[in-house]
PDB file of N, CA and C in Angstrom:
ATOM      1  N   MET A   1      -4.389   9.266 -19.130  1.00  0.00           N
ATOM      2  CA  MET A   1      -3.310   8.678 -19.881  1.00  0.00           C
ATOM      3  C   MET A   1      -3.866   7.488 -20.653  1.00  0.00           C
ATOM      4  N   SER A   2      -3.848   7.606 -21.940  1.00  0.00           N
ATOM      5  CA  SER A   2      -4.392   6.564 -22.799  1.00  0.00           C
ATOM      6  C   SER A   2      -3.257   5.695 -23.333  1.00  0.00           C
ATOM      7  N   GLN A   3      -3.521   4.418 -23.367  1.00  0.00           N
ATOM      8  CA  GLN A   3      -2.504   3.472 -23.811  1.00  0.00           C
ATOM      9  C   GLN A   3      -3.159   2.445 -24.722  1.00  0.00           C
ATOM     10  N   THR A   4      -2.502   2.128 -25.802  1.00  0.00           N
ATOM     11  CA  THR A   4      -3.020   1.111 -26.706  1.00  0.00           C
ATOM     12  C   THR A   4      -2.485  -0.240 -26.283  1.00  0.00           C
ATOM     13  N   ILE A   5      -3.395  -1.203 -26.200  1.00  0.00           N
ATOM     14  CA  ILE A   5      -3.019  -2.563 -25.828  1.00  0.00           C
ATOM     15  C   ILE A   5      -3.500  -3.494 -26.925  1.00  0.00           C
ATOM     16  N   THR A   6      -2.656  -4.392 -27.333  1.00  0.00           N
ATOM     17  CA  THR A   6      -3.063  -5.396 -28.311  1.00  0.00           C
ATOM     18  C   THR A   6      -2.990  -6.768 -27.673  1.00  0.00           C
ATOM     19  N   PHE A   7      -3.899  -7.632 -28.087  1.00  0.00           N
ATOM     20  CA  PHE A   7      -3.852  -9.000 -27.594  1.00  0.00           C
ATOM     21  C   PHE A   7      -4.375  -9.925 -28.673  1.00  0.00           C
ATOM     22  N   ARG A   8      -3.991 -11.180 -28.564  1.00  0.00           N
ATOM     23  CA  ARG A   8      -4.451 -12.191 -29.503  1.00  0.00           C
ATOM     24  C   ARG A   8      -5.432 -13.089 -28.771  1.00  0.00           C
ATOM     25  N   PRO A   9      -6.709 -12.909 -29.034  1.00  0.00           N
ATOM     26  CA  PRO A   9      -7.702 -13.721 -28.329  1.00  0.00           C
ATOM     27  C   PRO A   9      -7.685 -15.168 -28.800  1.00  0.00           C
ATOM     28  N   ASP A  10      -7.855 -16.068 -27.858  1.00  0.00           N
ATOM     29  CA  ASP A  10      -8.012 -17.475 -28.221  1.00  0.00           C
ATOM     30  C   ASP A  10      -9.496 -17.704 -28.531  1.00  0.00           C
ATOM     31  N   GLU A  11      -9.868 -18.948 -28.766  1.00  0.00           N
ATOM     32  CA  GLU A  11     -11.259 -19.237 -29.142  1.00  0.00           C
ATOM     33  C   GLU A  11     -12.244 -18.829 -28.048  1.00  0.00           C
ATOM     34  N   ASP A  12     -11.907 -19.110 -26.794  1.00  0.00           N
ATOM     35  CA  ASP A  12     -12.802 -18.733 -25.690  1.00  0.00           C
ATOM     36  C   ASP A  12     -12.981 -17.223 -25.622  1.00  0.00           C
ATOM     37  N   ALA A  13     -11.880 -16.480 -25.769  1.00  0.00           N
ATOM     38  CA  ALA A  13     -11.959 -15.021 -25.724  1.00  0.00           C
ATOM     39  C   ALA A  13     -12.751 -14.483 -26.914  1.00  0.00           C
ATOM     40  N   GLU A  14     -12.584 -15.097 -28.070  1.00  0.00           N
ATOM     41  CA  GLU A  14     -13.357 -14.686 -29.254  1.00  0.00           C
ATOM     42  C   GLU A  14     -14.852 -14.861 -29.004  1.00  0.00           C
ATOM     43  N   ARG A  15     -15.222 -16.008 -28.417  1.00  0.00           N
ATOM     44  CA  ARG A  15     -16.643 -16.252 -28.129  1.00  0.00           C
ATOM     45  C   ARG A  15     -17.163 -15.247 -27.101  1.00  0.00           C
ATOM     46  N   ALA A  16     -16.385 -14.993 -26.085  1.00  0.00           N
ATOM     47  CA  ALA A  16     -16.789 -14.028 -25.060  1.00  0.00           C
ATOM     48  C   ALA A  16     -16.931 -12.636 -25.672  1.00  0.00           C
ATOM     49  N   LEU A  17     -16.011 -12.266 -26.513  1.00  0.00           N
ATOM     50  CA  LEU A  17     -16.065 -10.970 -27.167  1.00  0.00           C
ATOM     51  C   LEU A  17     -17.286 -10.864 -28.074  1.00  0.00           C
ATOM     52  N   ALA A  18     -17.620 -11.949 -28.741  1.00  0.00           N
ATOM     53  CA  ALA A  18     -18.812 -11.957 -29.593  1.00  0.00           C
ATOM     54  C   ALA A  18     -20.069 -11.725 -28.751  1.00  0.00           C
ATOM     55  N   VAL A  19     -20.126 -12.326 -27.576  1.00  0.00           N
ATOM     56  CA  VAL A  19     -21.279 -12.127 -26.684  1.00  0.00           C
ATOM     57  C   VAL A  19     -21.335 -10.672 -26.221  1.00  0.00           C
ATOM     58  N   LEU A  20     -20.183 -10.128 -25.836  1.00  0.00           N
ATOM     59  CA  LEU A  20     -20.141  -8.764 -25.295  1.00  0.00           C
ATOM     60  C   LEU A  20     -20.388  -7.691 -26.347  1.00  0.00           C
ATOM     61  N   THR A  21     -20.192  -8.023 -27.610  1.00  0.00           N
ATOM     62  CA  THR A  21     -20.384  -7.034 -28.668  1.00  0.00           C
ATOM     63  C   THR A  21     -21.619  -7.310 -29.527  1.00  0.00           C
ATOM     64  N   ALA A  22     -22.382  -8.331 -29.199  1.00  0.00           N
ATOM     65  CA  ALA A  22     -23.552  -8.712 -29.997  1.00  0.00           C
ATOM     66  C   ALA A  22     -24.586  -7.597 -30.092  1.00  0.00           C
ATOM     67  N   ASP A  23     -24.637  -6.738 -29.082  1.00  0.00           N
ATOM     68  CA  ASP A  23     -25.620  -5.650 -29.087  1.00  0.00           C
ATOM     69  C   ASP A  23     -25.105  -4.391 -29.776  1.00  0.00           C
ATOM     70  N   GLY A  24     -23.940  -4.492 -30.392  1.00  0.00           N
ATOM     71  CA  GLY A  24     -23.374  -3.335 -31.086  1.00  0.00           C
ATOM     72  C   GLY A  24     -22.323  -2.596 -30.285  1.00  0.00           C
ATOM     73  N   THR A  25     -22.058  -3.050 -29.075  1.00  0.00           N
ATOM     74  CA  THR A  25     -21.017  -2.435 -28.259  1.00  0.00           C
ATOM     75  C   THR A  25     -19.686  -2.562 -28.986  1.00  0.00           C
ATOM     76  N   ALA A  26     -18.915  -1.489 -28.990  1.00  0.00           N
ATOM     77  CA  ALA A  26     -17.597  -1.515 -29.622  1.00  0.00           C
ATOM     78  C   ALA A  26     -16.673  -2.466 -28.862  1.00  0.00           C
ATOM     79  N   VAL A  27     -15.771  -3.083 -29.592  1.00  0.00           N
ATOM     80  CA  VAL A  27     -14.830  -4.024 -28.976  1.00  0.00           C
ATOM     81  C   VAL A  27     -14.050  -3.344 -27.859  1.00  0.00           C
ATOM     82  N   SER A  28     -13.548  -2.137 -28.102  1.00  0.00           N
ATOM     83  CA  SER A  28     -12.749  -1.461 -27.076  1.00  0.00           C
ATOM     84  C   SER A  28     -13.585  -1.181 -25.822  1.00  0.00           C
ATOM     85  N   ALA A  29     -14.846  -0.801 -26.005  1.00  0.00           N
ATOM     86  CA  ALA A  29     -15.717  -0.553 -24.852  1.00  0.00           C
ATOM     87  C   ALA A  29     -15.992  -1.856 -24.091  1.00  0.00           C
ATOM     88  N   ALA A  30     -16.197  -2.941 -24.829  1.00  0.00           N
ATOM     89  CA  ALA A  30     -16.448  -4.235 -24.192  1.00  0.00           C
ATOM     90  C   ALA A  30     -15.228  -4.696 -23.401  1.00  0.00           C
ATOM     91  N   VAL A  31     -14.047  -4.512 -23.960  1.00  0.00           N
ATOM     92  CA  VAL A  31     -12.818  -4.926 -23.271  1.00  0.00           C
ATOM     93  C   VAL A  31     -12.610  -4.064 -22.030  1.00  0.00           C
ATOM     94  N   ARG A  32     -12.813  -2.748 -22.147  1.00  0.00           N
ATOM     95  CA  ARG A  32     -12.674  -1.870 -20.972  1.00  0.00           C
ATOM     96  C   ARG A  32     -13.632  -2.292 -19.862  1.00  0.00           C
ATOM     97  N   ALA A  33     -14.895  -2.520 -20.225  1.00  0.00           N
ATOM     98  CA  ALA A  33     -15.889  -2.910 -19.223  1.00  0.00           C
ATOM     99  C   ALA A  33     -15.532  -4.248 -18.580  1.00  0.00           C
ATOM    100  N   ALA A  34     -15.052  -5.181 -19.381  1.00  0.00           N
ATOM    101  CA  ALA A  34     -14.676  -6.501 -18.850  1.00  0.00           C
ATOM    102  C   ALA A  34     -13.499  -6.381 -17.883  1.00  0.00           C
ATOM    103  N   LEU A  35     -12.528  -5.532 -18.207  1.00  0.00           N
ATOM    104  CA  LEU A  35     -11.385  -5.339 -17.311  1.00  0.00           C
ATOM    105  C   LEU A  35     -11.823  -4.726 -15.984  1.00  0.00           C
ATOM    106  N   ILE A  36     -12.689  -3.732 -16.063  1.00  0.00           N
ATOM    107  CA  ILE A  36     -13.175  -3.081 -14.846  1.00  0.00           C
ATOM    108  C   ILE A  36     -13.989  -4.066 -14.006  1.00  0.00           C
ATOM    109  N   ASP A  37     -14.854  -4.839 -14.656  1.00  0.00           N
ATOM    110  CA  ASP A  37     -15.644  -5.854 -13.935  1.00  0.00           C
ATOM    111  C   ASP A  37     -14.738  -6.892 -13.275  1.00  0.00           C
ATOM    112  N   ALA A  38     -13.700  -7.320 -13.987  1.00  0.00           N
ATOM    113  CA  ALA A  38     -12.777  -8.318 -13.432  1.00  0.00           C
ATOM    114  C   ALA A  38     -12.032  -7.758 -12.224  1.00  0.00           C
ATOM    115  N   ALA A  39     -11.571  -6.510 -12.322  1.00  0.00           N
ATOM    116  CA  ALA A  39     -10.862  -5.890 -11.199  1.00  0.00           C
ATOM    117  C   ALA A  39     -11.788  -5.726  -9.999  1.00  0.00           C
ATOM    118  N   ARG A  40     -13.024  -5.309 -10.258  1.00  0.00           N
ATOM    119  CA  ARG A  40     -14.007  -5.158  -9.172  1.00  0.00           C
ATOM    120  C   ARG A  40     -14.278  -6.514  -8.511  1.00  0.00           C
ATOM    121  N   GLY A  41     -14.406  -7.545  -9.320  1.00  0.00           N
ATOM    122  CA  GLY A  41     -14.637  -8.895  -8.787  1.00  0.00           C
ATOM    123  C   GLY A  41     -13.490  -9.363  -7.908  1.00  0.00           C
ATOM    124  N   ARG A  42     -12.270  -9.090  -8.342  1.00  0.00           N
ATOM    125  CA  ARG A  42     -11.105  -9.477  -7.523  1.00  0.00           C
ATOM    126  C   ARG A  42     -11.082  -8.729  -6.203  1.00  0.00           C
ATOM    127  N   ALA A  43     -11.401  -7.438  -6.243  1.00  0.00           N
ATOM    128  CA  ALA A  43     -11.419  -6.645  -5.010  1.00  0.00           C
ATOM    129  C   ALA A  43     -12.483  -7.184  -4.053  1.00  0.00           C
ATOM    130  N   GLN A  44     -13.640  -7.540  -4.588  1.00  0.00           N
ATOM    131  CA  GLN A  44     -14.698  -8.102  -3.757  1.00  0.00           C
ATOM    132  C   GLN A  44     -14.280  -9.444  -3.159  1.00  0.00           C
ATOM    133  N   GLU A  45     -13.583 -10.254  -3.947  1.00  0.00           N
ATOM    134  CA  GLU A  45     -13.091 -11.542  -3.433  1.00  0.00           C
ATOM    135  C   GLU A  45     -12.115 -11.323  -2.283  1.00  0.00           C
ATOM    136  N   ARG A  46     -11.211 -10.333  -2.434  1.00  0.00           N
ATOM    137  CA  ARG A  46     -10.251 -10.052  -1.356  1.00  0.00           C
ATOM    138  C   ARG A  46     -10.966  -9.578  -0.098  1.00  0.00           C
ATOM    139  N   LEU A  47     -11.950  -8.693  -0.262  1.00  0.00           N
ATOM    140  CA  LEU A  47     -12.701  -8.211   0.897  1.00  0.00           C
ATOM    141  C   LEU A  47     -13.475  -9.340   1.571  1.00  0.00           C
ATOM    142  N   ARG A  48     -14.076 -10.209   0.757  1.00  0.00           N
ATOM    143  CA  ARG A  48     -14.825 -11.341   1.309  1.00  0.00           C
ATOM    144  C   ARG A  48     -13.886 -12.261   2.093  1.00  0.00           C
ATOM    145  N   ALA A  49     -12.704 -12.532   1.533  1.00  0.00           N
ATOM    146  CA  ALA A  49     -11.743 -13.393   2.227  1.00  0.00           C
ATOM    147  C   ALA A  49     -11.286 -12.757   3.536  1.00  0.00           C
ATOM    148  N   GLU A  50     -11.075 -11.446   3.517  1.00  0.00           N
ATOM    149  CA  GLU A  50     -10.671 -10.757   4.742  1.00  0.00           C
ATOM    150  C   GLU A  50     -11.782 -10.808   5.786  1.00  0.00           C
ATOM    151  N   ALA A  51     -13.015 -10.607   5.348  1.00  0.00           N
ATOM    152  CA  ALA A  51     -14.155 -10.658   6.276  1.00  0.00           C
ATOM    153  C   ALA A  51     -14.308 -12.054   6.862  1.00  0.00           C
ATOM    154  N   GLU A  52     -14.125 -13.069   6.026  1.00  0.00           N
ATOM    155  CA  GLU A  52     -14.223 -14.446   6.523  1.00  0.00           C
ATOM    156  C   GLU A  52     -13.117 -14.750   7.526  1.00  0.00           C
ATOM    157  N   ALA A  53     -11.919 -14.236   7.268  1.00  0.00           N
ATOM    158  CA  ALA A  53     -10.804 -14.448   8.198  1.00  0.00           C
ATOM    159  C   ALA A  53     -11.083 -13.762   9.526  1.00  0.00           C
ATOM    160  N   LEU A  54     -11.606 -12.542   9.463  1.00  0.00           N
ATOM    161  CA  LEU A  54     -11.932 -11.833  10.703  1.00  0.00           C
ATOM    162  C   LEU A  54     -13.062 -12.529  11.456  1.00  0.00           C
ATOM    163  N   ALA A  55     -14.051 -13.019  10.719  1.00  0.00           N
ATOM    164  CA  ALA A  55     -15.167 -13.716  11.369  1.00  0.00           C
ATOM    165  C   ALA A  55     -14.694 -14.993  12.052  1.00  0.00           C
ATOM    166  N   ALA A  56     -13.639 -15.595  11.539  1.00  0.00           N
ATOM    167  CA  ALA A  56     -13.114 -16.831  12.124  1.00  0.00           C
ATOM    168  C   ALA A  56     -12.123 -16.552  13.259  1.00  0.00           C
ATOM    169  N   ASP A  57     -11.771 -15.285  13.470  1.00  0.00           N
ATOM    170  CA  ASP A  57     -10.787 -14.912  14.482  1.00  0.00           C
ATOM    171  C   ASP A  57     -11.492 -14.656  15.810  1.00  0.00           C
ATOM    172  N   ALA A  58     -11.355 -15.585  16.736  1.00  0.00           N
ATOM    173  CA  ALA A  58     -12.041 -15.489  18.029  1.00  0.00           C
ATOM    174  C   ALA A  58     -11.613 -14.242  18.798  1.00  0.00           C
ATOM    175  N   THR A  59     -10.358 -13.881  18.721  1.00  0.00           N
ATOM    176  CA  THR A  59      -9.865 -12.691  19.423  1.00  0.00           C
ATOM    177  C   THR A  59     -10.523 -11.437  18.871  1.00  0.00           C
ATOM    178  N   ASP A  60     -10.603 -11.355  17.561  1.00  0.00           N
ATOM    179  CA  ASP A  60     -11.232 -10.187  16.943  1.00  0.00           C
ATOM    180  C   ASP A  60     -12.717 -10.119  17.288  1.00  0.00           C
ATOM    181  N   ARG A  61     -13.395 -11.255  17.264  1.00  0.00           N
ATOM    182  CA  ARG A  61     -14.821 -11.281  17.614  1.00  0.00           C
ATOM    183  C   ARG A  61     -15.030 -10.846  19.059  1.00  0.00           C
ATOM    184  N   ALA A  62     -14.161 -11.273  19.954  1.00  0.00           N
ATOM    185  CA  ALA A  62     -14.277 -10.893  21.359  1.00  0.00           C
ATOM    186  C   ALA A  62     -14.068  -9.387  21.526  1.00  0.00           C
ATOM    187  N   GLU A  63     -13.098  -8.840  20.820  1.00  0.00           N
ATOM    188  CA  GLU A  63     -12.853  -7.397  20.883  1.00  0.00           C
ATOM    189  C   GLU A  63     -14.052  -6.623  20.335  1.00  0.00           C
ATOM    190  N   ALA A  64     -14.624  -7.087  19.245  1.00  0.00           N
ATOM    191  CA  ALA A  64     -15.806  -6.425  18.677  1.00  0.00           C
ATOM    192  C   ALA A  64     -16.966  -6.464  19.670  1.00  0.00           C
ATOM    193  N   ALA A  65     -17.133  -7.574  20.361  1.00  0.00           N
ATOM    194  CA  ALA A  65     -18.202  -7.685  21.360  1.00  0.00           C
ATOM    195  C   ALA A  65     -17.966  -6.706  22.504  1.00  0.00           C
ATOM    196  N   ARG A  66     -16.693  -6.572  22.932  1.00  0.00           N
ATOM    197  CA  ARG A  66     -16.373  -5.615  24.007  1.00  0.00           C
ATOM    198  C   ARG A  66     -16.683  -4.187  23.564  1.00  0.00           C
ATOM    199  N   VAL A  67     -16.324  -3.849  22.341  1.00  0.00           N
ATOM    200  CA  VAL A  67     -16.589  -2.500  21.830  1.00  0.00           C
ATOM    201  C   VAL A  67     -18.093  -2.247  21.788  1.00  0.00           C
ATOM    202  N   LEU A  68     -18.859  -3.221  21.308  1.00  0.00           N
ATOM    203  CA  LEU A  68     -20.318  -3.058  21.261  1.00  0.00           C
ATOM    204  C   LEU A  68     -20.899  -2.862  22.653  1.00  0.00           C
ATOM    205  N   ARG A  69     -20.393  -3.618  23.627  1.00  0.00           N
ATOM    206  CA  ARG A  69     -20.868  -3.458  25.010  1.00  0.00           C
ATOM    207  C   ARG A  69     -20.553  -2.058  25.518  1.00  0.00           C
ATOM    208  N   ASP A  70     -19.326  -1.593  25.255  1.00  0.00           N
ATOM    209  CA  ASP A  70     -18.932  -0.253  25.695  1.00  0.00           C
ATOM    210  C   ASP A  70     -19.771   0.823  25.009  1.00  0.00           C
ATOM    211  N   MET A  71     -20.065   0.641  23.762  1.00  0.00           N
ATOM    212  CA  MET A  71     -20.859   1.615  23.002  1.00  0.00           C
ATOM    213  C   MET A  71     -22.295   1.648  23.505  1.00  0.00           C
ATOM    214  N   GLU A  72     -22.805   0.531  23.957  1.00  0.00           N
ATOM    215  CA  GLU A  72     -24.180   0.447  24.450  1.00  0.00           C
ATOM    216  C   GLU A  72     -24.399   1.410  25.614  1.00  0.00           C
ATOM    217  N   THR A  73     -23.395   1.572  26.460  1.00  0.00           N
ATOM    218  CA  THR A  73     -23.542   2.469  27.603  1.00  0.00           C
ATOM    219  C   THR A  73     -23.576   3.924  27.177  1.00  0.00           C
ATOM    220  N   LEU A  74     -23.105   4.230  25.970  1.00  0.00           N
ATOM    221  CA  LEU A  74     -23.094   5.596  25.481  1.00  0.00           C
ATOM    222  C   LEU A  74     -24.358   5.964  24.713  1.00  0.00           C
ATOM    223  N   ARG A  75     -25.178   4.981  24.461  1.00  0.00           N
ATOM    224  CA  ARG A  75     -26.369   5.207  23.652  1.00  0.00           C
ATOM    225  C   ARG A  75     -27.361   6.102  24.387  1.00  0.00           C
ATOM    226  N   ALA A  76     -27.953   7.035  23.648  1.00  0.00           N
ATOM    227  CA  ALA A  76     -28.946   7.944  24.250  1.00  0.00           C
ATOM    228  C   ALA A  76     -30.245   7.173  24.490  1.00  0.00           C
ATOM    229  N   TRP A  77     -30.874   7.486  25.580  1.00  0.00           N
ATOM    230  CA  TRP A  77     -32.135   6.800  25.903  1.00  0.00           C
ATOM    231  C   TRP A  77     -33.207   7.565  25.281  1.00  0.00           C
TER     232      TRP A  77
END
């Protein structure tokens, strides 16, 4: 599903767009890539925050340690 989006870039966006298209990349391709990169970055930030929260959770760490201990007994020699 293709959708046309229009926006009015400010000076910062114009400069960023100039950098992203300096090598001949089409504006639409540069904008698509920037959107995908931004979404990926946000997802990584959310995962990092979740991992940090879990690492700070003493109950979760204790449960993980118990699971590792239990798994150790199942390991093949």
